[in-house]
């Protein structure tokens, strides 16, 4: 993951085939929607 973030100027994040975030690596790391989707939270009901 660190290598991808170091090499990328822009990152697109998909969740269940939908674009949920687009931005610089720093913006993506701090994005609460991305954190929730990949670490748990508001998207939990979609995972069951």
C-alpha atoms as a PDB file:
ATOM      1  CA  UNK A   1       0.000   0.000   0.000  1.00  0.00           C
ATOM      2  CA  UNK A   2       2.792   2.445   0.816  1.00  0.00           C
ATOM      3  CA  UNK A   3       4.377   1.832  -2.575  1.00  0.00           C
ATOM      4  CA  UNK A   4       1.118   2.599  -4.391  1.00  0.00           C
ATOM      5  CA  UNK A   5       0.644   5.774  -2.381  1.00  0.00           C
ATOM      6  CA  UNK A   6       4.233   6.861  -3.055  1.00  0.00           C
ATOM      7  CA  UNK A   7       3.953   6.286  -6.817  1.00  0.00           C
ATOM      8  CA  UNK A   8       0.464   7.700  -7.379  1.00  0.00           C
ATOM      9  CA  UNK A   9      -0.530  11.278  -8.074  1.00  0.00           C
ATOM     10  CA  UNK A  10      -4.228  10.456  -7.907  1.00  0.00           C
ATOM     11  CA  UNK A  11      -6.116   7.549  -6.334  1.00  0.00           C
ATOM     12  CA  UNK A  12      -9.616   6.312  -7.171  1.00  0.00           C
ATOM     13  CA  UNK A  13     -11.384   4.220  -4.542  1.00  0.00           C
ATOM     14  CA  UNK A  14     -14.187   1.817  -5.445  1.00  0.00           C
ATOM     15  CA  UNK A  15     -16.594   0.085  -3.083  1.00  0.00           C
ATOM     16  CA  UNK A  16     -18.959  -2.517  -4.522  1.00  0.00           C
ATOM     17  CA  UNK A  17     -18.215  -1.162  -7.991  1.00  0.00           C
ATOM     18  CA  UNK A  18     -19.035   2.455  -7.113  1.00  0.00           C
ATOM     19  CA  UNK A  19     -16.562   5.300  -6.985  1.00  0.00           C
ATOM     20  CA  UNK A  20     -16.575   6.555  -3.405  1.00  0.00           C
ATOM     21  CA  UNK A  21     -13.498   8.807  -3.444  1.00  0.00           C
ATOM     22  CA  UNK A  22     -10.994  10.420  -5.758  1.00  0.00           C
ATOM     23  CA  UNK A  23      -8.006  12.485  -4.747  1.00  0.00           C
ATOM     24  CA  UNK A  24      -4.370  12.629  -3.817  1.00  0.00           C
ATOM     25  CA  UNK A  25      -2.974   9.815  -1.674  1.00  0.00           C
ATOM     26  CA  UNK A  26      -3.037  12.135   1.359  1.00  0.00           C
ATOM     27  CA  UNK A  27      -6.668  13.035   0.772  1.00  0.00           C
ATOM     28  CA  UNK A  28      -7.631   9.367   0.405  1.00  0.00           C
ATOM     29  CA  UNK A  29      -5.883   8.354   3.629  1.00  0.00           C
ATOM     30  CA  UNK A  30      -7.815  11.027   5.526  1.00  0.00           C
ATOM     31  CA  UNK A  31     -11.172  10.395   3.791  1.00  0.00           C
ATOM     32  CA  UNK A  32     -13.779   9.270   6.331  1.00  0.00           C
ATOM     33  CA  UNK A  33     -15.903   7.534   3.671  1.00  0.00           C
ATOM     34  CA  UNK A  34     -12.941   5.394   2.604  1.00  0.00           C
ATOM     35  CA  UNK A  35     -12.060   4.608   6.204  1.00  0.00           C
ATOM     36  CA  UNK A  36     -15.633   3.615   6.950  1.00  0.00           C
ATOM     37  CA  UNK A  37     -15.921   1.434   3.842  1.00  0.00           C
ATOM     38  CA  UNK A  38     -12.667  -0.449   4.381  1.00  0.00           C
ATOM     39  CA  UNK A  39     -12.375  -0.449   8.152  1.00  0.00           C
ATOM     40  CA  UNK A  40     -16.056  -0.795   9.018  1.00  0.00           C
ATOM     41  CA  UNK A  41     -18.829   1.611   9.722  1.00  0.00           C
ATOM     42  CA  UNK A  42     -21.638   2.977   7.633  1.00  0.00           C
ATOM     43  CA  UNK A  43     -21.314   0.347   4.907  1.00  0.00           C
ATOM     44  CA  UNK A  44     -21.498  -2.681   7.223  1.00  0.00           C
ATOM     45  CA  UNK A  45     -25.052  -3.525   6.141  1.00  0.00           C
ATOM     46  CA  UNK A  46     -23.898  -3.889   2.511  1.00  0.00           C
ATOM     47  CA  UNK A  47     -21.340  -6.506   3.486  1.00  0.00           C
ATOM     48  CA  UNK A  48     -23.851  -9.044   4.794  1.00  0.00           C
END
